[in-house]
N, C-alpha and C. Protein backbone atom coordinates (compact mmCIF):
# COMPACT_ATOMS: atom_id res chain seq x y z
N MET A 1 97.72 93.56 134.42
CA MET A 1 98.17 94.58 135.34
C MET A 1 96.98 95.10 136.17
N PRO A 2 97.12 95.15 137.48
CA PRO A 2 96.01 95.62 138.31
C PRO A 2 95.72 97.11 138.15
N ASP A 3 96.71 97.89 137.71
CA ASP A 3 96.49 99.33 137.57
C ASP A 3 95.77 99.69 136.27
N GLU A 4 95.74 98.76 135.33
CA GLU A 4 95.07 99.02 134.07
C GLU A 4 93.58 98.77 134.22
N LEU A 5 92.79 99.70 133.76
CA LEU A 5 91.35 99.58 133.84
C LEU A 5 90.81 99.30 132.44
N PRO A 6 90.02 98.24 132.27
CA PRO A 6 89.56 97.89 130.93
C PRO A 6 88.57 98.88 130.34
N PHE A 7 87.84 99.57 131.15
CA PHE A 7 86.82 100.50 130.66
C PHE A 7 86.98 101.84 131.35
N PRO A 8 86.68 102.95 130.65
CA PRO A 8 86.80 104.27 131.27
C PRO A 8 85.88 104.44 132.48
N ILE A 9 84.74 103.75 132.48
CA ILE A 9 83.81 103.87 133.61
C ILE A 9 84.44 103.36 134.89
N ASP A 10 85.34 102.38 134.78
CA ASP A 10 85.99 101.84 135.98
C ASP A 10 86.80 102.90 136.72
N GLY A 11 87.44 103.79 135.98
CA GLY A 11 88.21 104.86 136.61
C GLY A 11 87.32 105.83 137.36
N ARG A 12 86.17 106.15 136.77
CA ARG A 12 85.23 107.06 137.45
C ARG A 12 84.65 106.41 138.70
N LEU A 13 84.33 105.12 138.59
CA LEU A 13 83.79 104.42 139.75
C LEU A 13 84.82 104.35 140.87
N ARG A 14 86.08 104.09 140.51
CA ARG A 14 87.13 104.05 141.53
C ARG A 14 87.28 105.41 142.19
N ASN A 15 87.20 106.49 141.41
CA ASN A 15 87.29 107.83 141.99
C ASN A 15 86.12 108.10 142.93
N ASN A 16 84.92 107.64 142.56
CA ASN A 16 83.76 107.82 143.43
C ASN A 16 83.93 107.05 144.73
N VAL A 17 84.47 105.85 144.65
CA VAL A 17 84.68 105.06 145.86
C VAL A 17 85.69 105.73 146.78
N ILE A 18 86.76 106.23 146.21
CA ILE A 18 87.78 106.90 147.03
C ILE A 18 87.20 108.15 147.68
N MET A 19 86.41 108.90 146.94
CA MET A 19 85.78 110.11 147.50
C MET A 19 84.79 109.74 148.60
N ALA A 20 84.01 108.68 148.37
CA ALA A 20 83.04 108.25 149.39
C ALA A 20 83.74 107.83 150.67
N ILE A 21 84.85 107.11 150.54
CA ILE A 21 85.60 106.68 151.72
C ILE A 21 86.13 107.89 152.48
N ALA A 22 86.65 108.87 151.76
CA ALA A 22 87.18 110.08 152.41
C ALA A 22 86.07 110.85 153.13
N VAL A 23 84.92 111.00 152.47
CA VAL A 23 83.80 111.74 153.07
C VAL A 23 83.28 111.01 154.31
N ILE A 24 83.12 109.70 154.21
CA ILE A 24 82.62 108.92 155.35
C ILE A 24 83.60 109.00 156.51
N PHE A 25 84.89 108.93 156.22
CA PHE A 25 85.90 109.01 157.28
C PHE A 25 85.83 110.35 158.00
N LEU A 26 85.73 111.44 157.24
CA LEU A 26 85.65 112.77 157.86
C LEU A 26 84.37 112.95 158.66
N LEU A 27 83.26 112.44 158.13
CA LEU A 27 82.01 112.50 158.89
C LEU A 27 82.11 111.66 160.16
N GLY A 28 82.83 110.54 160.09
CA GLY A 28 83.03 109.69 161.26
C GLY A 28 83.78 110.43 162.37
N ILE A 29 84.76 111.21 161.99
CA ILE A 29 85.49 112.01 162.98
C ILE A 29 84.52 112.97 163.68
N GLY A 30 83.65 113.59 162.90
CA GLY A 30 82.65 114.49 163.48
C GLY A 30 81.68 113.76 164.39
N ASN A 31 81.28 112.55 164.00
CA ASN A 31 80.38 111.76 164.85
C ASN A 31 81.03 111.42 166.18
N PHE A 32 82.31 111.04 166.14
CA PHE A 32 83.01 110.73 167.39
C PHE A 32 83.13 111.96 168.28
N ALA A 33 83.39 113.11 167.69
CA ALA A 33 83.49 114.35 168.48
C ALA A 33 82.15 114.69 169.12
N LEU A 34 81.07 114.57 168.37
CA LEU A 34 79.74 114.84 168.93
C LEU A 34 79.41 113.85 170.04
N HIS A 35 79.71 112.59 169.80
CA HIS A 35 79.41 111.55 170.78
C HIS A 35 80.18 111.79 172.08
N LYS A 36 81.45 112.13 171.96
CA LYS A 36 82.28 112.39 173.14
C LYS A 36 81.76 113.62 173.90
N ALA A 37 81.35 114.65 173.18
CA ALA A 37 80.83 115.86 173.82
C ALA A 37 79.55 115.56 174.59
N VAL A 38 78.69 114.73 174.03
CA VAL A 38 77.45 114.37 174.73
C VAL A 38 77.77 113.53 175.96
N LEU A 39 78.71 112.60 175.84
CA LEU A 39 79.07 111.78 177.00
C LEU A 39 79.66 112.62 178.13
N GLU A 40 80.45 113.61 177.77
CA GLU A 40 81.09 114.46 178.78
C GLU A 40 80.15 115.52 179.35
N SER A 41 78.98 115.71 178.74
CA SER A 41 78.05 116.72 179.21
C SER A 41 77.34 116.32 180.50
N ARG A 42 77.34 115.04 180.81
CA ARG A 42 76.66 114.51 182.01
C ARG A 42 75.19 114.92 182.05
N HIS A 43 74.56 114.94 180.89
CA HIS A 43 73.15 115.31 180.78
C HIS A 43 72.30 114.30 181.55
N SER A 44 71.16 114.75 182.06
CA SER A 44 70.30 113.86 182.86
C SER A 44 69.73 112.71 182.03
N LEU A 45 69.61 112.88 180.72
CA LEU A 45 69.13 111.79 179.86
C LEU A 45 70.07 110.60 179.87
N LEU A 46 71.36 110.86 180.05
CA LEU A 46 72.32 109.76 180.08
C LEU A 46 72.11 108.87 181.29
N GLY A 47 71.61 109.42 182.36
CA GLY A 47 71.33 108.62 183.55
C GLY A 47 70.13 107.71 183.39
N GLN A 48 69.29 107.97 182.41
CA GLN A 48 68.11 107.16 182.18
C GLN A 48 68.35 106.02 181.19
N MET A 49 69.56 105.93 180.68
CA MET A 49 69.88 104.88 179.72
C MET A 49 70.00 103.54 180.45
N PRO A 50 69.80 102.41 179.74
CA PRO A 50 69.91 101.09 180.37
C PRO A 50 71.31 100.86 180.95
N TRP A 51 71.41 99.87 181.81
CA TRP A 51 72.67 99.61 182.54
C TRP A 51 73.82 99.28 181.60
N PHE A 52 73.55 98.59 180.49
CA PHE A 52 74.64 98.17 179.63
C PHE A 52 75.28 99.34 178.88
N VAL A 53 74.57 100.46 178.79
CA VAL A 53 75.15 101.64 178.16
C VAL A 53 76.24 102.23 179.05
N HIS A 54 76.11 102.08 180.34
CA HIS A 54 77.07 102.66 181.28
C HIS A 54 78.29 101.78 181.50
N MET A 55 78.26 100.58 180.93
CA MET A 55 79.43 99.71 181.07
C MET A 55 80.66 100.40 180.49
N LEU A 56 81.77 100.26 181.15
CA LEU A 56 83.04 100.84 180.71
C LEU A 56 82.99 102.35 180.58
N GLY A 57 82.14 102.99 181.34
CA GLY A 57 82.08 104.45 181.36
C GLY A 57 81.58 105.07 180.07
N GLY A 58 80.71 104.37 179.36
CA GLY A 58 80.17 104.89 178.11
C GLY A 58 80.99 104.53 176.89
N ARG A 59 82.09 103.82 177.11
CA ARG A 59 82.94 103.45 175.98
C ARG A 59 82.29 102.40 175.09
N LEU A 60 81.31 101.68 175.62
CA LEU A 60 80.60 100.71 174.81
C LEU A 60 79.84 101.41 173.69
N THR A 61 79.31 102.59 173.96
CA THR A 61 78.61 103.33 172.91
C THR A 61 79.60 103.86 171.86
N LEU A 62 80.80 104.19 172.30
CA LEU A 62 81.82 104.60 171.33
C LEU A 62 82.23 103.42 170.45
N LEU A 63 82.24 102.22 171.01
CA LEU A 63 82.52 101.03 170.21
C LEU A 63 81.43 100.82 169.16
N THR A 64 80.20 101.04 169.55
CA THR A 64 79.09 100.94 168.60
C THR A 64 79.23 101.97 167.49
N GLU A 65 79.61 103.17 167.85
CA GLU A 65 79.84 104.22 166.85
C GLU A 65 80.95 103.81 165.88
N PHE A 66 82.00 103.19 166.42
CA PHE A 66 83.10 102.72 165.57
C PHE A 66 82.62 101.62 164.62
N LEU A 67 81.78 100.71 165.11
CA LEU A 67 81.29 99.63 164.26
C LEU A 67 80.41 100.15 163.13
N VAL A 68 79.62 101.18 163.40
CA VAL A 68 78.81 101.80 162.34
C VAL A 68 79.72 102.44 161.30
N LEU A 69 80.76 103.14 161.75
CA LEU A 69 81.72 103.76 160.84
C LEU A 69 82.45 102.70 160.01
N LEU A 70 82.89 101.64 160.66
CA LEU A 70 83.60 100.57 159.96
C LEU A 70 82.71 99.92 158.91
N ALA A 71 81.46 99.66 159.25
CA ALA A 71 80.53 99.05 158.29
C ALA A 71 80.32 99.98 157.09
N ALA A 72 80.16 101.27 157.34
CA ALA A 72 79.97 102.22 156.24
C ALA A 72 81.20 102.29 155.35
N LEU A 73 82.38 102.29 155.95
CA LEU A 73 83.61 102.34 155.15
C LEU A 73 83.79 101.07 154.33
N LEU A 74 83.52 99.92 154.92
CA LEU A 74 83.67 98.66 154.20
C LEU A 74 82.67 98.54 153.05
N LEU A 75 81.44 98.96 153.29
CA LEU A 75 80.44 98.91 152.22
C LEU A 75 80.80 99.86 151.09
N ALA A 76 81.27 101.05 151.43
CA ALA A 76 81.66 102.00 150.39
C ALA A 76 82.86 101.49 149.60
N ALA A 77 83.80 100.86 150.28
CA ALA A 77 84.99 100.33 149.60
C ALA A 77 84.66 99.15 148.70
N ASN A 78 83.55 98.49 148.96
CA ASN A 78 83.17 97.32 148.16
C ASN A 78 82.09 97.63 147.14
N GLY A 79 82.03 98.88 146.70
CA GLY A 79 81.18 99.20 145.59
C GLY A 79 79.86 99.89 145.91
N TRP A 80 79.73 100.41 147.09
CA TRP A 80 78.51 101.14 147.47
C TRP A 80 78.87 102.60 147.78
N PRO A 81 79.39 103.37 146.83
CA PRO A 81 79.78 104.74 147.14
C PRO A 81 78.60 105.64 147.51
N GLY A 82 77.39 105.26 147.09
CA GLY A 82 76.21 106.04 147.45
C GLY A 82 75.89 105.99 148.93
N LEU A 83 76.53 105.07 149.64
CA LEU A 83 76.31 104.96 151.08
C LEU A 83 76.79 106.22 151.81
N ALA A 84 77.63 107.00 151.17
CA ALA A 84 78.09 108.25 151.79
C ALA A 84 76.90 109.17 152.08
N TRP A 85 75.88 109.15 151.22
CA TRP A 85 74.68 109.96 151.46
C TRP A 85 73.93 109.47 152.69
N ALA A 86 73.83 108.16 152.85
CA ALA A 86 73.17 107.59 154.03
C ALA A 86 73.94 107.95 155.30
N TYR A 87 75.27 107.88 155.23
CA TYR A 87 76.08 108.21 156.41
C TYR A 87 76.00 109.71 156.69
N LEU A 88 75.84 110.52 155.66
CA LEU A 88 75.64 111.96 155.87
C LEU A 88 74.33 112.21 156.60
N ALA A 89 73.28 111.49 156.23
CA ALA A 89 71.99 111.63 156.93
C ALA A 89 72.12 111.18 158.38
N TYR A 90 72.84 110.08 158.61
CA TYR A 90 73.09 109.60 159.97
C TYR A 90 73.84 110.64 160.79
N THR A 91 74.83 111.27 160.18
CA THR A 91 75.60 112.30 160.87
C THR A 91 74.73 113.52 161.16
N ALA A 92 73.86 113.87 160.23
CA ALA A 92 72.96 115.01 160.46
C ALA A 92 72.02 114.74 161.63
N LEU A 93 71.50 113.52 161.71
CA LEU A 93 70.63 113.18 162.85
C LEU A 93 71.42 113.18 164.16
N ASN A 94 72.66 112.68 164.13
CA ASN A 94 73.51 112.74 165.32
C ASN A 94 73.78 114.18 165.72
N GLY A 95 74.04 115.02 164.74
CA GLY A 95 74.30 116.43 165.02
C GLY A 95 73.09 117.12 165.62
N LEU A 96 71.91 116.84 165.09
CA LEU A 96 70.69 117.42 165.63
C LEU A 96 70.46 116.95 167.07
N ALA A 97 70.62 115.67 167.32
CA ALA A 97 70.44 115.14 168.67
C ALA A 97 71.46 115.73 169.64
N ALA A 98 72.72 115.83 169.20
CA ALA A 98 73.75 116.41 170.07
C ALA A 98 73.46 117.87 170.35
N TRP A 99 73.01 118.60 169.35
CA TRP A 99 72.68 120.01 169.56
C TRP A 99 71.53 120.16 170.56
N LEU A 100 70.51 119.32 170.43
CA LEU A 100 69.39 119.38 171.37
C LEU A 100 69.83 119.07 172.80
N ILE A 101 70.70 118.10 172.95
CA ILE A 101 71.17 117.71 174.29
C ILE A 101 72.11 118.76 174.86
N LEU A 102 73.08 119.19 174.06
CA LEU A 102 74.09 120.12 174.57
C LEU A 102 73.56 121.53 174.79
N SER A 103 72.53 121.92 174.05
CA SER A 103 71.98 123.26 174.24
C SER A 103 70.92 123.29 175.34
N GLY A 104 70.60 122.13 175.89
CA GLY A 104 69.63 122.08 176.98
C GLY A 104 68.19 122.15 176.52
N ARG A 105 67.91 121.94 175.27
CA ARG A 105 66.56 121.98 174.76
C ARG A 105 65.79 120.69 175.06
N VAL A 106 66.51 119.66 175.43
CA VAL A 106 65.86 118.38 175.79
C VAL A 106 66.17 118.10 177.24
């Protein structure tokens, strides 16, 4: 039976994986919101980015953000629940960068 777990540790590991997936997904929503806010800010730094960043109106960078989220979710689902900490650090750096850009400090 697939629902039967041979060892008690398997249940705890499965719970950790489910929690990591949920945390990464919620952080991903925050990353997309920050990314969209920076794109809509029309900050002068965005004009200095290479030409390929401006392809499709900045949607290429949103695709990159999606691929990072997808990779984090897939790795966490395949037994790397500690990756949630790495994605939290990534989100914190994104948040700091977005705050600097949106507040006009950069």
